[in-house]
Amino acid sequence: MQLGHDVWVGAGVKFRGGITVGTGAIVAAGAVVTKNVEPYAIVGGVPAKRIRWRFKKALREQLLASEWWRYNLSGLDLDFTNPEKALSQLQKMIGEGLQPYKPQWVEVKN
């Protein structure tokens, strides 16, 4: 199974082997997922079916194209209550030089 970025999975969900759950998807509690879940879809039921989209198609495409998950968003002043505005703010910051987050390797010794 593969999970995309920013996926929410409710309690008691069951997945068939080899399933991919796309970025930003929501899987309702108790769902039985037998097919791949598209990015930013909300699915539920037995078997799971799409209930609705989280966002309109244009915004879904923009979010995926932005690869926002590559950036450290903590501490940035983004309006997450308005996804379109937050994406616009992030794109402006990227245009001004915000670089993708590259965590450093840490060596742990006994």
N, C-alpha and C. Protein backbone atom coordinates (compact mmCIF):
# COMPACT_ATOMS: atom_id res chain seq x y z
N MET A 1 0.83 -1.18 0.00
CA MET A 1 0.00 0.00 0.00
C MET A 1 0.88 1.24 0.00
N GLN A 2 0.44 2.25 -0.71
CA GLN A 2 1.16 3.52 -0.74
C GLN A 2 0.21 4.63 -0.31
N LEU A 3 0.68 5.47 0.60
CA LEU A 3 -0.08 6.63 1.04
C LEU A 3 0.59 7.89 0.51
N GLY A 4 -0.20 8.79 -0.06
CA GLY A 4 0.33 10.07 -0.49
C GLY A 4 0.55 10.98 0.71
N HIS A 5 0.85 12.22 0.44
CA HIS A 5 1.08 13.21 1.48
C HIS A 5 -0.24 13.71 2.03
N ASP A 6 -0.27 14.02 3.33
CA ASP A 6 -1.43 14.66 3.97
C ASP A 6 -2.70 13.83 3.81
N VAL A 7 -2.59 12.52 4.02
CA VAL A 7 -3.74 11.61 3.94
C VAL A 7 -4.29 11.40 5.34
N TRP A 8 -5.62 11.40 5.46
CA TRP A 8 -6.28 11.11 6.73
C TRP A 8 -7.03 9.80 6.59
N VAL A 9 -6.77 8.86 7.50
CA VAL A 9 -7.43 7.56 7.48
C VAL A 9 -8.15 7.37 8.81
N GLY A 10 -9.46 7.16 8.75
CA GLY A 10 -10.26 6.97 9.94
C GLY A 10 -10.00 5.61 10.59
N ALA A 11 -10.57 5.42 11.77
CA ALA A 11 -10.38 4.19 12.54
C ALA A 11 -11.03 3.00 11.83
N GLY A 12 -10.38 1.86 11.92
CA GLY A 12 -10.95 0.61 11.45
C GLY A 12 -11.01 0.43 9.95
N VAL A 13 -10.26 1.23 9.19
CA VAL A 13 -10.26 1.10 7.73
C VAL A 13 -9.48 -0.15 7.33
N LYS A 14 -9.99 -0.84 6.31
CA LYS A 14 -9.29 -2.01 5.77
C LYS A 14 -8.95 -1.72 4.31
N PHE A 15 -7.72 -2.10 3.91
CA PHE A 15 -7.24 -1.87 2.55
C PHE A 15 -6.92 -3.20 1.88
N ARG A 16 -7.33 -3.36 0.63
CA ARG A 16 -6.88 -4.49 -0.17
C ARG A 16 -5.40 -4.26 -0.49
N GLY A 17 -4.63 -5.31 -0.66
CA GLY A 17 -3.21 -5.17 -0.97
C GLY A 17 -2.98 -4.40 -2.26
N GLY A 18 -1.89 -3.64 -2.29
CA GLY A 18 -1.49 -2.92 -3.50
C GLY A 18 -2.22 -1.62 -3.76
N ILE A 19 -3.01 -1.17 -2.81
CA ILE A 19 -3.79 0.06 -2.97
C ILE A 19 -2.89 1.30 -2.86
N THR A 20 -3.22 2.33 -3.64
CA THR A 20 -2.58 3.64 -3.52
C THR A 20 -3.64 4.65 -3.09
N VAL A 21 -3.33 5.41 -2.06
CA VAL A 21 -4.21 6.48 -1.60
C VAL A 21 -3.50 7.79 -1.92
N GLY A 22 -4.12 8.58 -2.78
CA GLY A 22 -3.49 9.80 -3.28
C GLY A 22 -3.37 10.90 -2.24
N THR A 23 -2.48 11.82 -2.52
CA THR A 23 -2.23 12.98 -1.66
C THR A 23 -3.53 13.70 -1.32
N GLY A 24 -3.66 14.05 -0.03
CA GLY A 24 -4.79 14.85 0.41
C GLY A 24 -6.10 14.11 0.54
N ALA A 25 -6.10 12.80 0.33
CA ALA A 25 -7.34 12.03 0.40
C ALA A 25 -7.79 11.84 1.86
N ILE A 26 -9.08 11.63 2.02
CA ILE A 26 -9.67 11.32 3.31
C ILE A 26 -10.42 10.01 3.16
N VAL A 27 -10.13 9.04 4.05
CA VAL A 27 -10.81 7.75 4.05
C VAL A 27 -11.62 7.66 5.33
N ALA A 28 -12.93 7.54 5.20
CA ALA A 28 -13.83 7.54 6.35
C ALA A 28 -13.64 6.29 7.20
N ALA A 29 -13.89 6.43 8.49
CA ALA A 29 -13.77 5.32 9.43
C ALA A 29 -14.62 4.15 8.97
N GLY A 30 -14.06 2.94 9.11
CA GLY A 30 -14.77 1.72 8.81
C GLY A 30 -14.84 1.37 7.34
N ALA A 31 -14.25 2.18 6.47
CA ALA A 31 -14.30 1.92 5.03
C ALA A 31 -13.49 0.67 4.68
N VAL A 32 -13.89 0.03 3.60
CA VAL A 32 -13.13 -1.09 3.03
C VAL A 32 -12.70 -0.63 1.64
N VAL A 33 -11.40 -0.35 1.50
CA VAL A 33 -10.87 0.25 0.27
C VAL A 33 -10.38 -0.86 -0.64
N THR A 34 -11.07 -1.01 -1.79
CA THR A 34 -10.74 -2.08 -2.74
C THR A 34 -10.14 -1.54 -4.03
N LYS A 35 -10.18 -0.21 -4.21
CA LYS A 35 -9.64 0.44 -5.41
C LYS A 35 -8.78 1.61 -4.98
N ASN A 36 -7.87 2.03 -5.87
CA ASN A 36 -7.05 3.21 -5.59
C ASN A 36 -7.93 4.42 -5.32
N VAL A 37 -7.44 5.30 -4.45
CA VAL A 37 -8.16 6.52 -4.08
C VAL A 37 -7.43 7.70 -4.73
N GLU A 38 -8.17 8.51 -5.47
CA GLU A 38 -7.58 9.64 -6.17
C GLU A 38 -7.19 10.75 -5.19
N PRO A 39 -6.19 11.57 -5.58
CA PRO A 39 -5.80 12.69 -4.72
C PRO A 39 -6.98 13.61 -4.40
N TYR A 40 -7.06 14.02 -3.15
CA TYR A 40 -8.05 14.96 -2.64
C TYR A 40 -9.50 14.45 -2.73
N ALA A 41 -9.66 13.12 -2.81
CA ALA A 41 -11.00 12.52 -2.77
C ALA A 41 -11.36 12.20 -1.33
N ILE A 42 -12.66 12.26 -1.03
CA ILE A 42 -13.18 11.79 0.25
C ILE A 42 -13.96 10.53 -0.07
N VAL A 43 -13.53 9.41 0.53
CA VAL A 43 -14.17 8.12 0.25
C VAL A 43 -14.67 7.50 1.54
N GLY A 44 -15.67 6.63 1.41
CA GLY A 44 -16.19 5.91 2.55
C GLY A 44 -17.11 4.80 2.08
N GLY A 45 -17.42 3.90 3.00
CA GLY A 45 -18.37 2.84 2.70
C GLY A 45 -17.71 1.49 2.52
N VAL A 46 -18.57 0.49 2.24
CA VAL A 46 -18.12 -0.89 2.04
C VAL A 46 -18.79 -1.40 0.76
N PRO A 47 -18.07 -1.48 -0.34
CA PRO A 47 -16.70 -1.02 -0.54
C PRO A 47 -16.66 0.51 -0.63
N ALA A 48 -15.48 1.07 -0.40
CA ALA A 48 -15.34 2.53 -0.40
C ALA A 48 -15.62 3.10 -1.78
N LYS A 49 -16.38 4.18 -1.78
CA LYS A 49 -16.67 4.93 -3.00
C LYS A 49 -16.43 6.41 -2.72
N ARG A 50 -16.17 7.16 -3.80
CA ARG A 50 -15.96 8.59 -3.62
C ARG A 50 -17.28 9.23 -3.18
N ILE A 51 -17.21 9.97 -2.08
CA ILE A 51 -18.35 10.72 -1.57
C ILE A 51 -18.39 12.09 -2.24
N ARG A 52 -17.22 12.72 -2.27
CA ARG A 52 -17.07 14.02 -2.94
C ARG A 52 -15.59 14.35 -3.02
N TRP A 53 -15.30 15.46 -3.66
CA TRP A 53 -13.94 15.99 -3.72
C TRP A 53 -13.75 17.00 -2.61
N ARG A 54 -12.53 17.10 -2.08
CA ARG A 54 -12.24 18.13 -1.08
C ARG A 54 -12.21 19.51 -1.70
N PHE A 55 -11.73 19.60 -2.95
CA PHE A 55 -11.58 20.88 -3.63
C PHE A 55 -12.00 20.73 -5.09
N LYS A 56 -12.23 21.86 -5.74
CA LYS A 56 -12.53 21.85 -7.18
C LYS A 56 -11.31 21.38 -7.95
N LYS A 57 -11.55 20.89 -9.17
CA LYS A 57 -10.49 20.29 -9.99
C LYS A 57 -9.29 21.23 -10.19
N ALA A 58 -9.54 22.48 -10.49
CA ALA A 58 -8.42 23.41 -10.75
C ALA A 58 -7.52 23.54 -9.52
N LEU A 59 -8.11 23.63 -8.32
CA LEU A 59 -7.30 23.74 -7.10
C LEU A 59 -6.57 22.44 -6.82
N ARG A 60 -7.21 21.29 -7.05
CA ARG A 60 -6.52 20.00 -6.86
C ARG A 60 -5.28 19.93 -7.74
N GLU A 61 -5.42 20.33 -8.99
CA GLU A 61 -4.29 20.30 -9.92
C GLU A 61 -3.19 21.25 -9.48
N GLN A 62 -3.56 22.44 -9.01
CA GLN A 62 -2.57 23.42 -8.55
C GLN A 62 -1.84 22.92 -7.31
N LEU A 63 -2.56 22.33 -6.37
CA LEU A 63 -1.93 21.80 -5.16
C LEU A 63 -0.93 20.71 -5.50
N LEU A 64 -1.32 19.79 -6.37
CA LEU A 64 -0.40 18.72 -6.75
C LEU A 64 0.82 19.27 -7.49
N ALA A 65 0.60 20.22 -8.39
CA ALA A 65 1.71 20.80 -9.15
C ALA A 65 2.67 21.57 -8.26
N SER A 66 2.17 22.16 -7.18
CA SER A 66 3.02 22.96 -6.29
C SER A 66 3.99 22.12 -5.47
N GLU A 67 3.64 20.83 -5.27
CA GLU A 67 4.43 19.95 -4.40
C GLU A 67 4.69 20.62 -3.05
N TRP A 68 3.65 21.19 -2.47
CA TRP A 68 3.76 21.94 -1.21
C TRP A 68 4.38 21.12 -0.09
N TRP A 69 4.26 19.81 -0.12
CA TRP A 69 4.79 18.95 0.94
C TRP A 69 6.31 18.94 0.99
N ARG A 70 6.95 19.47 -0.02
CA ARG A 70 8.42 19.51 -0.04
C ARG A 70 8.97 20.67 0.80
N TYR A 71 8.10 21.52 1.30
CA TYR A 71 8.52 22.72 2.03
C TYR A 71 8.17 22.60 3.51
N ASN A 72 9.02 23.17 4.35
CA ASN A 72 8.74 23.23 5.78
C ASN A 72 7.78 24.39 6.00
N LEU A 73 6.52 24.08 6.27
CA LEU A 73 5.49 25.11 6.40
C LEU A 73 5.35 25.66 7.81
N SER A 74 5.99 25.00 8.78
CA SER A 74 5.87 25.48 10.16
C SER A 74 6.55 26.85 10.28
N GLY A 75 5.86 27.74 10.94
CA GLY A 75 6.39 29.08 11.13
C GLY A 75 6.10 30.04 10.00
N LEU A 76 5.58 29.53 8.88
CA LEU A 76 5.23 30.43 7.78
C LEU A 76 3.83 30.99 8.03
N ASP A 77 3.62 32.22 7.67
CA ASP A 77 2.34 32.88 7.89
C ASP A 77 1.43 32.59 6.69
N LEU A 78 0.83 31.38 6.69
CA LEU A 78 -0.07 30.98 5.61
C LEU A 78 -1.48 30.85 6.17
N ASP A 79 -2.46 31.27 5.40
CA ASP A 79 -3.87 31.22 5.83
C ASP A 79 -4.46 29.86 5.44
N PHE A 80 -4.29 28.86 6.32
CA PHE A 80 -4.76 27.51 6.03
C PHE A 80 -6.28 27.40 6.08
N THR A 81 -6.99 28.43 6.54
CA THR A 81 -8.45 28.39 6.51
C THR A 81 -8.98 28.65 5.10
N ASN A 82 -8.10 29.13 4.23
CA ASN A 82 -8.46 29.42 2.85
C ASN A 82 -7.40 28.78 1.95
N PRO A 83 -7.63 27.54 1.46
CA PRO A 83 -6.60 26.83 0.69
C PRO A 83 -6.09 27.59 -0.53
N GLU A 84 -6.98 28.27 -1.24
CA GLU A 84 -6.55 29.03 -2.42
C GLU A 84 -5.57 30.13 -2.02
N LYS A 85 -5.89 30.83 -0.94
CA LYS A 85 -5.02 31.91 -0.47
C LYS A 85 -3.70 31.36 0.03
N ALA A 86 -3.74 30.27 0.80
CA ALA A 86 -2.50 29.67 1.32
C ALA A 86 -1.59 29.23 0.18
N LEU A 87 -2.17 28.64 -0.86
CA LEU A 87 -1.37 28.21 -2.00
C LEU A 87 -0.76 29.42 -2.71
N SER A 88 -1.53 30.48 -2.86
CA SER A 88 -1.02 31.70 -3.49
C SER A 88 0.12 32.29 -2.66
N GLN A 89 -0.06 32.31 -1.34
CA GLN A 89 1.00 32.82 -0.46
C GLN A 89 2.26 31.97 -0.58
N LEU A 90 2.10 30.65 -0.59
CA LEU A 90 3.25 29.76 -0.70
C LEU A 90 3.95 29.94 -2.04
N GLN A 91 3.19 30.04 -3.12
CA GLN A 91 3.79 30.23 -4.43
C GLN A 91 4.59 31.53 -4.49
N LYS A 92 4.09 32.57 -3.83
CA LYS A 92 4.82 33.84 -3.78
C LYS A 92 6.14 33.66 -3.03
N MET A 93 6.09 32.94 -1.89
CA MET A 93 7.31 32.69 -1.11
C MET A 93 8.33 31.88 -1.89
N ILE A 94 7.84 30.90 -2.66
CA ILE A 94 8.74 30.10 -3.50
C ILE A 94 9.38 30.99 -4.55
N GLY A 95 8.57 31.87 -5.15
CA GLY A 95 9.10 32.82 -6.13
C GLY A 95 10.14 33.76 -5.55
N GLU A 96 10.03 34.01 -4.24
CA GLU A 96 10.97 34.90 -3.56
C GLU A 96 12.17 34.14 -2.99
N GLY A 97 12.25 32.83 -3.27
CA GLY A 97 13.45 32.09 -2.87
C GLY A 97 13.28 31.01 -1.82
N LEU A 98 12.06 30.75 -1.35
CA LEU A 98 11.87 29.67 -0.39
C LEU A 98 12.32 28.36 -1.02
N GLN A 99 13.18 27.65 -0.32
CA GLN A 99 13.75 26.41 -0.84
C GLN A 99 13.07 25.19 -0.22
N PRO A 100 13.03 24.07 -0.96
CA PRO A 100 12.49 22.83 -0.37
C PRO A 100 13.27 22.45 0.88
N TYR A 101 12.57 21.83 1.81
CA TYR A 101 13.16 21.40 3.07
C TYR A 101 14.04 20.18 2.82
N LYS A 102 15.26 20.22 3.32
CA LYS A 102 16.19 19.11 3.19
C LYS A 102 16.72 18.78 4.58
N PRO A 103 16.06 17.83 5.26
CA PRO A 103 16.52 17.49 6.61
C PRO A 103 17.94 16.93 6.59
N GLN A 104 18.65 17.19 7.65
CA GLN A 104 20.01 16.69 7.79
C GLN A 104 19.99 15.28 8.36
N TRP A 105 20.95 14.47 7.96
CA TRP A 105 21.09 13.13 8.52
C TRP A 105 21.62 13.23 9.94
N VAL A 106 21.09 12.39 10.79
CA VAL A 106 21.55 12.34 12.17
C VAL A 106 22.04 10.94 12.43
N GLU A 107 23.27 10.82 12.94
CA GLU A 107 23.81 9.51 13.26
C GLU A 107 23.62 9.25 14.76
N VAL A 108 23.00 8.14 15.07
CA VAL A 108 22.74 7.77 16.45
C VAL A 108 23.67 6.63 16.81
N LYS A 109 24.42 6.80 17.89
CA LYS A 109 25.36 5.76 18.34
C LYS A 109 24.94 5.28 19.72
N ASN A 110 25.18 4.01 19.97
CA ASN A 110 24.88 3.45 21.29
C ASN A 110 25.96 3.84 22.27
